Amino acid sequence: QEQVAAALGIPPVDLCRGGMGMAVLASAQQVQQVQPDWAQV
């Protein structure tokens, strides 16, 4: 949770993983606007 929130600059409302990690955000607008920290990703 903390590592992904730092990488995205926004805390996810849900977090799970399979082959990849998956961060669920509150809205499509947040998904569109997120600017990740690539080193942390």
All heavy atoms as atom14 arrays in JSON, in Angstrom:
{
  "sequence": "QEQVAAALGIPPVDLCRGGMGMAVLASAQQVQQVQPDWAQV",
  "atom14_mask": [
    [1, 1, 1, 1, 1, 1, 1, 1, 1, 0, 0, 0, 0, 0],
    [1, 1, 1, 1, 1, 1, 1, 1, 1, 0, 0, 0, 0, 0],
    [1, 1, 1, 1, 1, 1, 1, 1, 1, 0, 0, 0, 0, 0],
    [1, 1, 1, 1, 1, 1, 1, 0, 0, 0, 0, 0, 0, 0],
    [1, 1, 1, 1, 1, 0, 0, 0, 0, 0, 0, 0, 0, 0],
    [1, 1, 1, 1, 1, 0, 0, 0, 0, 0, 0, 0, 0, 0],
    [1, 1, 1, 1, 1, 0, 0, 0, 0, 0, 0, 0, 0, 0],
    [1, 1, 1, 1, 1, 1, 1, 1, 0, 0, 0, 0, 0, 0],
    [1, 1, 1, 1, 0, 0, 0, 0, 0, 0, 0, 0, 0, 0],
    [1, 1, 1, 1, 1, 1, 1, 1, 0, 0, 0, 0, 0, 0],
    [1, 1, 1, 1, 1, 1, 1, 0, 0, 0, 0, 0, 0, 0],
    [1, 1, 1, 1, 1, 1, 1, 0, 0, 0, 0, 0, 0, 0],
    [1, 1, 1, 1, 1, 1, 1, 0, 0, 0, 0, 0, 0, 0],
    [1, 1, 1, 1, 1, 1, 1, 1, 0, 0, 0, 0, 0, 0],
    [1, 1, 1, 1, 1, 1, 1, 1, 0, 0, 0, 0, 0, 0],
    [1, 1, 1, 1, 1, 1, 0, 0, 0, 0, 0, 0, 0, 0],
    [1, 1, 1, 1, 1, 1, 1, 1, 1, 1, 1, 0, 0, 0],
    [1, 1, 1, 1, 0, 0, 0, 0, 0, 0, 0, 0, 0, 0],
    [1, 1, 1, 1, 0, 0, 0, 0, 0, 0, 0, 0, 0, 0],
    [1, 1, 1, 1, 1, 1, 1, 1, 0, 0, 0, 0, 0, 0],
    [1, 1, 1, 1, 0, 0, 0, 0, 0, 0, 0, 0, 0, 0],
    [1, 1, 1, 1, 1, 1, 1, 1, 0, 0, 0, 0, 0, 0],
    [1, 1, 1, 1, 1, 0, 0, 0, 0, 0, 0, 0, 0, 0],
    [1, 1, 1, 1, 1, 1, 1, 0, 0, 0, 0, 0, 0, 0],
    [1, 1, 1, 1, 1, 1, 1, 1, 0, 0, 0, 0, 0, 0],
    [1, 1, 1, 1, 1, 0, 0, 0, 0, 0, 0, 0, 0, 0],
    [1, 1, 1, 1, 1, 1, 0, 0, 0, 0, 0, 0, 0, 0],
    [1, 1, 1, 1, 1, 0, 0, 0, 0, 0, 0, 0, 0, 0],
    [1, 1, 1, 1, 1, 1, 1, 1, 1, 0, 0, 0, 0, 0],
    [1, 1, 1, 1, 1, 1, 1, 1, 1, 0, 0, 0, 0, 0],
    [1, 1, 1, 1, 1, 1, 1, 0, 0, 0, 0, 0, 0, 0],
    [1, 1, 1, 1, 1, 1, 1, 1, 1, 0, 0, 0, 0, 0],
    [1, 1, 1, 1, 1, 1, 1, 1, 1, 0, 0, 0, 0, 0],
    [1, 1, 1, 1, 1, 1, 1, 0, 0, 0, 0, 0, 0, 0],
    [1, 1, 1, 1, 1, 1, 1, 1, 1, 0, 0, 0, 0, 0],
    [1, 1, 1, 1, 1, 1, 1, 0, 0, 0, 0, 0, 0, 0],
    [1, 1, 1, 1, 1, 1, 1, 1, 0, 0, 0, 0, 0, 0],
    [1, 1, 1, 1, 1, 1, 1, 1, 1, 1, 1, 1, 1, 1],
    [1, 1, 1, 1, 1, 0, 0, 0, 0, 0, 0, 0, 0, 0],
    [1, 1, 1, 1, 1, 1, 1, 1, 1, 0, 0, 0, 0, 0],
    [1, 1, 1, 1, 1, 1, 1, 0, 0, 0, 0, 0, 0, 0]
  ],
  "atom14_positions": [
    [[0.82, -1.22, 0.0], [0.0, 0.0, 0.0], [0.86, 1.27, 0.0], [0.66, 2.16, -0.83], [-0.94, 0.0, 1.2], [-1.83, 1.22, 1.32], [-2.98, 1.23, 0.33], [-3.42, 0.18, -0.12], [-3.48, 2.41, -0.01], [0.0, 0.0, 0.0], [0.0, 0.0, 0.0], [0.0, 0.0, 0.0], [0.0, 0.0, 0.0], [0.0, 0.0, 0.0]],
    [[1.77, 1.38, 0.92], [2.58, 2.61, 1.01], [3.48, 2.77, -0.2], [3.64, 3.88, -0.72], [3.41, 2.6, 2.3], [2.58, 2.74, 3.57], [3.45, 2.87, 4.81], [4.69, 2.99, 4.66], [2.9, 2.85, 5.92], [0.0, 0.0, 0.0], [0.0, 0.0, 0.0], [0.0, 0.0, 0.0], [0.0, 0.0, 0.0], [0.0, 0.0, 0.0]],
    [[4.08, 1.68, -0.67], [4.99, 1.74, -1.81], [4.26, 2.14, -3.08], [4.74, 2.97, -3.87], [5.69, 0.39, -1.99], [6.91, 0.42, -2.9], [7.62, -0.92, -2.97], [7.2, -1.9, -2.35], [8.7, -0.98, -3.74], [0.0, 0.0, 0.0], [0.0, 0.0, 0.0], [0.0, 0.0, 0.0], [0.0, 0.0, 0.0], [0.0, 0.0, 0.0]],
    [[3.07, 1.58, -3.31], [2.3, 1.92, -4.5], [1.78, 3.35, -4.42], [1.81, 4.09, -5.41], [1.14, 0.92, -4.7], [0.2, 1.39, -5.81], [1.68, -0.46, -5.02], [0.0, 0.0, 0.0], [0.0, 0.0, 0.0], [0.0, 0.0, 0.0], [0.0, 0.0, 0.0], [0.0, 0.0, 0.0], [0.0, 0.0, 0.0], [0.0, 0.0, 0.0]],
    [[1.32, 3.76, -3.23], [0.85, 5.14, -3.06], [1.96, 6.13, -3.37], [1.74, 7.17, -4.0], [0.32, 5.34, -1.65], [0.0, 0.0, 0.0], [0.0, 0.0, 0.0], [0.0, 0.0, 0.0], [0.0, 0.0, 0.0], [0.0, 0.0, 0.0], [0.0, 0.0, 0.0], [0.0, 0.0, 0.0], [0.0, 0.0, 0.0], [0.0, 0.0, 0.0]],
    [[3.18, 5.83, -2.94], [4.32, 6.7, -3.22], [4.65, 6.71, -4.71], [4.98, 7.75, -5.28], [5.53, 6.26, -2.41], [0.0, 0.0, 0.0], [0.0, 0.0, 0.0], [0.0, 0.0, 0.0], [0.0, 0.0, 0.0], [0.0, 0.0, 0.0], [0.0, 0.0, 0.0], [0.0, 0.0, 0.0], [0.0, 0.0, 0.0], [0.0, 0.0, 0.0]],
    [[4.53, 5.56, -5.36], [4.84, 5.46, -6.79], [3.83, 6.24, -7.63], [4.19, 6.82, -8.66], [4.87, 4.0, -7.22], [0.0, 0.0, 0.0], [0.0, 0.0, 0.0], [0.0, 0.0, 0.0], [0.0, 0.0, 0.0], [0.0, 0.0, 0.0], [0.0, 0.0, 0.0], [0.0, 0.0, 0.0], [0.0, 0.0, 0.0], [0.0, 0.0, 0.0]],
    [[2.56, 6.25, -7.2], [1.51, 6.91, -7.98], [1.23, 8.34, -7.52], [0.61, 9.11, -8.25], [0.21, 6.1, -7.89], [0.25, 4.69, -8.5], [-1.09, 4.0, -8.28], [0.6, 4.72, -9.98], [0.0, 0.0, 0.0], [0.0, 0.0, 0.0], [0.0, 0.0, 0.0], [0.0, 0.0, 0.0], [0.0, 0.0, 0.0], [0.0, 0.0, 0.0]],
    [[1.64, 8.67, -6.32], [1.32, 9.98, -5.77], [-0.11, 10.09, -5.31], [-0.62, 11.19, -5.07], [0.0, 0.0, 0.0], [0.0, 0.0, 0.0], [0.0, 0.0, 0.0], [0.0, 0.0, 0.0], [0.0, 0.0, 0.0], [0.0, 0.0, 0.0], [0.0, 0.0, 0.0], [0.0, 0.0, 0.0], [0.0, 0.0, 0.0], [0.0, 0.0, 0.0]],
    [[-0.8, 8.95, -5.18], [-2.19, 8.91, -4.75], [-2.44, 7.54, -4.14], [-2.0, 6.52, -4.68], [-3.15, 9.18, -5.93], [-4.59, 9.26, -5.47], [-2.98, 8.15, -7.03], [-5.54, 9.73, -6.55], [0.0, 0.0, 0.0], [0.0, 0.0, 0.0], [0.0, 0.0, 0.0], [0.0, 0.0, 0.0], [0.0, 0.0, 0.0], [0.0, 0.0, 0.0]],
    [[-3.15, 7.46, -3.01], [-3.39, 6.15, -2.39], [-4.48, 5.39, -3.14], [-5.55, 5.94, -3.44], [-3.85, 6.51, -0.97], [-4.39, 7.89, -1.08], [-3.61, 8.57, -2.16], [0.0, 0.0, 0.0], [0.0, 0.0, 0.0], [0.0, 0.0, 0.0], [0.0, 0.0, 0.0], [0.0, 0.0, 0.0], [0.0, 0.0, 0.0], [0.0, 0.0, 0.0]],
    [[-4.26, 4.12, -3.47], [-5.31, 3.33, -4.11], [-6.41, 2.98, -3.12], [-6.16, 2.86, -1.92], [-4.56, 2.08, -4.58], [-3.37, 1.97, -3.7], [-2.99, 3.37, -3.33], [0.0, 0.0, 0.0], [0.0, 0.0, 0.0], [0.0, 0.0, 0.0], [0.0, 0.0, 0.0], [0.0, 0.0, 0.0], [0.0, 0.0, 0.0], [0.0, 0.0, 0.0]],
    [[-7.63, 2.8, -3.64], [-8.74, 2.39, -2.78], [-8.78, 0.88, -2.62], [-9.43, 0.36, -1.71], [-10.09, 2.91, -3.32], [-10.1, 4.42, -3.35], [-10.38, 2.34, -4.71], [0.0, 0.0, 0.0], [0.0, 0.0, 0.0], [0.0, 0.0, 0.0], [0.0, 0.0, 0.0], [0.0, 0.0, 0.0], [0.0, 0.0, 0.0], [0.0, 0.0, 0.0]],
    [[-8.07, 0.16, -3.5], [-7.95, -1.29, -3.39], [-6.65, -1.68, -4.07], [-6.19, -0.98, -5.0], [-9.14, -2.0, -4.04], [-9.28, -3.45, -3.6], [-8.51, -3.89, -2.7], [-10.14, -4.16, -4.16], [0.0, 0.0, 0.0], [0.0, 0.0, 0.0], [0.0, 0.0, 0.0], [0.0, 0.0, 0.0], [0.0, 0.0, 0.0], [0.0, 0.0, 0.0]],
    [[-6.07, -2.78, -3.63], [-4.77, -3.19, -4.16], [-4.71, -4.71, -4.19], [-4.99, -5.37, -3.19], [-3.66, -2.63, -3.27], [-2.23, -2.59, -3.81], [-2.15, -1.74, -5.07], [-1.29, -2.04, -2.74], [0.0, 0.0, 0.0], [0.0, 0.0, 0.0], [0.0, 0.0, 0.0], [0.0, 0.0, 0.0], [0.0, 0.0, 0.0], [0.0, 0.0, 0.0]],
    [[-4.37, -5.25, -5.35], [-4.23, -6.7, -5.47], [-3.17, -7.01, -6.51], [-2.61, -6.11, -7.15], [-5.56, -7.36, -5.81], [-6.35, -6.71, -7.29], [0.0, 0.0, 0.0], [0.0, 0.0, 0.0], [0.0, 0.0, 0.0], [0.0, 0.0, 0.0], [0.0, 0.0, 0.0], [0.0, 0.0, 0.0], [0.0, 0.0, 0.0], [0.0, 0.0, 0.0]],
    [[-2.89, -8.27, -6.69], [-1.86, -8.64, -7.64], [-2.18, -10.0, -8.25], [-2.92, -10.81, -7.7], [-0.48, -8.67, -6.98], [-0.3, -9.72, -5.91], [1.11, -9.74, -5.36], [2.08, -10.12, -6.38], [3.41, -10.12, -6.19], [3.91, -9.73, -5.03], [4.21, -10.5, -7.15], [0.0, 0.0, 0.0], [0.0, 0.0, 0.0], [0.0, 0.0, 0.0]],
    [[-1.62, -10.21, -9.44], [-1.63, -11.49, -10.12], [-0.27, -11.57, -10.79], [0.76, -11.51, -10.14], [0.0, 0.0, 0.0], [0.0, 0.0, 0.0], [0.0, 0.0, 0.0], [0.0, 0.0, 0.0], [0.0, 0.0, 0.0], [0.0, 0.0, 0.0], [0.0, 0.0, 0.0], [0.0, 0.0, 0.0], [0.0, 0.0, 0.0], [0.0, 0.0, 0.0]],
    [[-0.25, -11.63, -12.14], [1.02, -11.52, -12.84], [1.62, -10.14, -12.7], [2.83, -9.96, -12.69], [0.0, 0.0, 0.0], [0.0, 0.0, 0.0], [0.0, 0.0, 0.0], [0.0, 0.0, 0.0], [0.0, 0.0, 0.0], [0.0, 0.0, 0.0], [0.0, 0.0, 0.0], [0.0, 0.0, 0.0], [0.0, 0.0, 0.0], [0.0, 0.0, 0.0]],
    [[0.78, -9.12, -12.59], [1.17, -7.74, -12.32], [0.51, -7.28, -11.03], [-0.37, -7.96, -10.49], [0.74, -6.81, -13.47], [1.5, -6.97, -14.76], [1.01, -5.67, -15.95], [2.21, -5.96, -17.25], [0.0, 0.0, 0.0], [0.0, 0.0, 0.0], [0.0, 0.0, 0.0], [0.0, 0.0, 0.0], [0.0, 0.0, 0.0], [0.0, 0.0, 0.0]],
    [[0.92, -6.12, -10.54], [0.19, -5.47, -9.48], [-0.96, -4.68, -10.06], [-0.91, -4.25, -11.21], [0.0, 0.0, 0.0], [0.0, 0.0, 0.0], [0.0, 0.0, 0.0], [0.0, 0.0, 0.0], [0.0, 0.0, 0.0], [0.0, 0.0, 0.0], [0.0, 0.0, 0.0], [0.0, 0.0, 0.0], [0.0, 0.0, 0.0], [0.0, 0.0, 0.0]],
    [[-2.02, -4.49, -9.26], [-3.18, -3.74, -9.73], [-3.65, -2.79, -8.64], [-3.99, -3.22, -7.54], [-4.32, -4.67, -10.12], [-5.5, -3.95, -10.77], [-6.76, -5.09, -11.41], [-7.61, -5.51, -9.9], [0.0, 0.0, 0.0], [0.0, 0.0, 0.0], [0.0, 0.0, 0.0], [0.0, 0.0, 0.0], [0.0, 0.0, 0.0], [0.0, 0.0, 0.0]],
    [[-3.65, -1.48, -8.96], [-4.1, -0.45, -8.04], [-5.42, 0.11, -8.53], [-5.51, 0.61, -9.66], [-3.06, 0.66, -7.94], [0.0, 0.0, 0.0], [0.0, 0.0, 0.0], [0.0, 0.0, 0.0], [0.0, 0.0, 0.0], [0.0, 0.0, 0.0], [0.0, 0.0, 0.0], [0.0, 0.0, 0.0], [0.0, 0.0, 0.0], [0.0, 0.0, 0.0]],
    [[-6.45, 0.03, -7.72], [-7.77, 0.55, -8.06], [-7.89, 1.96, -7.5], [-7.68, 2.17, -6.3], [-8.88, -0.34, -7.49], [-10.25, 0.18, -7.91], [-8.7, -1.79, -7.94], [0.0, 0.0, 0.0], [0.0, 0.0, 0.0], [0.0, 0.0, 0.0], [0.0, 0.0, 0.0], [0.0, 0.0, 0.0], [0.0, 0.0, 0.0], [0.0, 0.0, 0.0]],
    [[-8.2, 2.92, -8.36], [-8.35, 4.31, -7.95], [-9.84, 4.67, -7.88], [-10.7, 3.91, -8.28], [-7.6, 5.24, -8.9], [-6.1, 4.98, -9.04], [-5.45, 6.07, -9.89], [-5.4, 4.87, -7.7], [0.0, 0.0, 0.0], [0.0, 0.0, 0.0], [0.0, 0.0, 0.0], [0.0, 0.0, 0.0], [0.0, 0.0, 0.0], [0.0, 0.0, 0.0]],
    [[-10.11, 5.87, -7.37], [-11.49, 6.27, -7.1], [-12.27, 6.65, -8.34], [-13.51, 6.6, -8.34], [-11.5, 7.44, -6.11], [0.0, 0.0, 0.0], [0.0, 0.0, 0.0], [0.0, 0.0, 0.0], [0.0, 0.0, 0.0], [0.0, 0.0, 0.0], [0.0, 0.0, 0.0], [0.0, 0.0, 0.0], [0.0, 0.0, 0.0], [0.0, 0.0, 0.0]],
    [[-11.59, 7.04, -9.43], [-12.31, 7.5, -10.62], [-11.46, 7.32, -11.87], [-10.23, 7.23, -11.8], [-12.69, 8.98, -10.48], [-11.53, 9.79, -10.52], [0.0, 0.0, 0.0], [0.0, 0.0, 0.0], [0.0, 0.0, 0.0], [0.0, 0.0, 0.0], [0.0, 0.0, 0.0], [0.0, 0.0, 0.0], [0.0, 0.0, 0.0], [0.0, 0.0, 0.0]],
    [[-12.14, 7.34, -13.02], [-11.44, 7.29, -14.3], [-10.57, 8.53, -14.48], [-9.49, 8.47, -15.08], [-12.44, 7.18, -15.44], [0.0, 0.0, 0.0], [0.0, 0.0, 0.0], [0.0, 0.0, 0.0], [0.0, 0.0, 0.0], [0.0, 0.0, 0.0], [0.0, 0.0, 0.0], [0.0, 0.0, 0.0], [0.0, 0.0, 0.0], [0.0, 0.0, 0.0]],
    [[-11.02, 9.65, -13.96], [-10.24, 10.88, -14.06], [-8.91, 10.73, -13.34], [-7.87, 11.18, -13.85], [-11.02, 12.06, -13.49], [-10.31, 13.4, -13.67], [-11.13, 14.57, -13.13], [-11.94, 14.39, -12.23], [-10.92, 15.74, -13.68], [0.0, 0.0, 0.0], [0.0, 0.0, 0.0], [0.0, 0.0, 0.0], [0.0, 0.0, 0.0], [0.0, 0.0, 0.0]],
    [[-8.9, 10.1, -12.19], [-7.64, 9.88, -11.49], [-6.72, 8.98, -12.3], [-5.51, 9.22, -12.36], [-7.91, 9.25, -10.12], [-8.47, 10.21, -9.09], [-8.57, 9.6, -7.71], [-8.47, 8.37, -7.55], [-8.76, 10.43, -6.71], [0.0, 0.0, 0.0], [0.0, 0.0, 0.0], [0.0, 0.0, 0.0], [0.0, 0.0, 0.0], [0.0, 0.0, 0.0]],
    [[-7.27, 7.95, -12.92], [-6.46, 7.06, -13.76], [-5.84, 7.86, -14.91], [-4.65, 7.72, -15.23], [-7.31, 5.89, -14.3], [-6.51, 5.08, -15.33], [-7.77, 5.01, -13.16], [0.0, 0.0, 0.0], [0.0, 0.0, 0.0], [0.0, 0.0, 0.0], [0.0, 0.0, 0.0], [0.0, 0.0, 0.0], [0.0, 0.0, 0.0], [0.0, 0.0, 0.0]],
    [[-6.63, 8.71, -15.53], [-6.16, 9.49, -16.67], [-5.07, 10.48, -16.28], [-4.13, 10.73, -17.03], [-7.33, 10.22, -17.31], [-7.07, 10.73, -18.71], [-8.37, 10.98, -19.45], [-9.36, 11.4, -18.88], [-8.37, 10.71, -20.75], [0.0, 0.0, 0.0], [0.0, 0.0, 0.0], [0.0, 0.0, 0.0], [0.0, 0.0, 0.0], [0.0, 0.0, 0.0]],
    [[-5.17, 11.04, -15.1], [-4.28, 12.13, -14.69], [-3.05, 11.67, -13.91], [-2.13, 12.48, -13.71], [-5.06, 13.15, -13.85], [-6.14, 13.88, -14.64], [-6.95, 14.84, -13.8], [-6.85, 14.86, -12.57], [-7.76, 15.66, -14.46], [0.0, 0.0, 0.0], [0.0, 0.0, 0.0], [0.0, 0.0, 0.0], [0.0, 0.0, 0.0], [0.0, 0.0, 0.0]],
    [[-3.01, 10.43, -13.46], [-1.9, 9.99, -12.62], [-0.57, 10.11, -13.37], [-0.48, 9.81, -14.56], [-2.14, 8.55, -12.12], [-2.01, 7.53, -13.24], [-1.19, 8.23, -10.97], [0.0, 0.0, 0.0], [0.0, 0.0, 0.0], [0.0, 0.0, 0.0], [0.0, 0.0, 0.0], [0.0, 0.0, 0.0], [0.0, 0.0, 0.0], [0.0, 0.0, 0.0]],
    [[0.45, 10.59, -12.66], [1.8, 10.74, -13.22], [2.76, 9.98, -12.31], [3.25, 10.53, -11.32], [2.18, 12.21, -13.34], [1.28, 12.99, -14.29], [1.7, 14.44, -14.45], [2.65, 14.9, -13.83], [0.99, 15.17, -15.29], [0.0, 0.0, 0.0], [0.0, 0.0, 0.0], [0.0, 0.0, 0.0], [0.0, 0.0, 0.0], [0.0, 0.0, 0.0]],
    [[3.06, 8.74, -12.63], [3.84, 7.91, -11.73], [5.29, 8.38, -11.58], [5.86, 9.03, -12.47], [3.8, 6.53, -12.39], [2.66, 6.59, -13.34], [2.59, 8.0, -13.81], [0.0, 0.0, 0.0], [0.0, 0.0, 0.0], [0.0, 0.0, 0.0], [0.0, 0.0, 0.0], [0.0, 0.0, 0.0], [0.0, 0.0, 0.0], [0.0, 0.0, 0.0]],
    [[5.87, 8.01, -10.47], [7.31, 8.12, -10.27], [7.9, 6.82, -10.82], [7.77, 5.75, -10.24], [7.61, 8.26, -8.77], [9.1, 8.4, -8.48], [9.88, 7.58, -8.99], [9.47, 9.31, -7.72], [0.0, 0.0, 0.0], [0.0, 0.0, 0.0], [0.0, 0.0, 0.0], [0.0, 0.0, 0.0], [0.0, 0.0, 0.0], [0.0, 0.0, 0.0]],
    [[8.57, 6.92, -11.98], [8.99, 5.71, -12.69], [9.99, 4.88, -11.91], [9.95, 3.64, -11.94], [9.55, 6.07, -14.06], [8.56, 6.8, -14.92], [8.66, 8.08, -15.4], [7.3, 6.32, -15.37], [7.54, 8.42, -16.11], [6.68, 7.36, -16.11], [6.62, 5.11, -15.21], [5.43, 7.22, -16.7], [5.36, 4.97, -15.79], [4.79, 6.01, -16.52]],
    [[10.88, 5.52, -11.2], [11.86, 4.77, -10.4], [11.16, 3.94, -9.34], [11.53, 2.79, -9.09], [12.87, 5.73, -9.78], [0.0, 0.0, 0.0], [0.0, 0.0, 0.0], [0.0, 0.0, 0.0], [0.0, 0.0, 0.0], [0.0, 0.0, 0.0], [0.0, 0.0, 0.0], [0.0, 0.0, 0.0], [0.0, 0.0, 0.0], [0.0, 0.0, 0.0]],
    [[10.12, 4.52, -8.72], [9.4, 3.78, -7.68], [8.52, 2.68, -8.27], [8.36, 1.62, -7.66], [8.58, 4.74, -6.82], [9.45, 5.71, -6.03], [8.72, 6.31, -4.85], [8.22, 5.59, -4.0], [8.65, 7.64, -4.81], [0.0, 0.0, 0.0], [0.0, 0.0, 0.0], [0.0, 0.0, 0.0], [0.0, 0.0, 0.0], [0.0, 0.0, 0.0]],
    [[7.96, 2.91, -9.46], [7.22, 1.84, -10.13], [8.15, 0.68, -10.45], [7.82, -0.49, -10.22], [6.53, 2.35, -11.41], [5.92, 1.19, -12.2], [5.46, 3.38, -11.08], [0.0, 0.0, 0.0], [0.0, 0.0, 0.0], [0.0, 0.0, 0.0], [0.0, 0.0, 0.0], [0.0, 0.0, 0.0], [0.0, 0.0, 0.0], [0.0, 0.0, 0.0]]
  ]
}
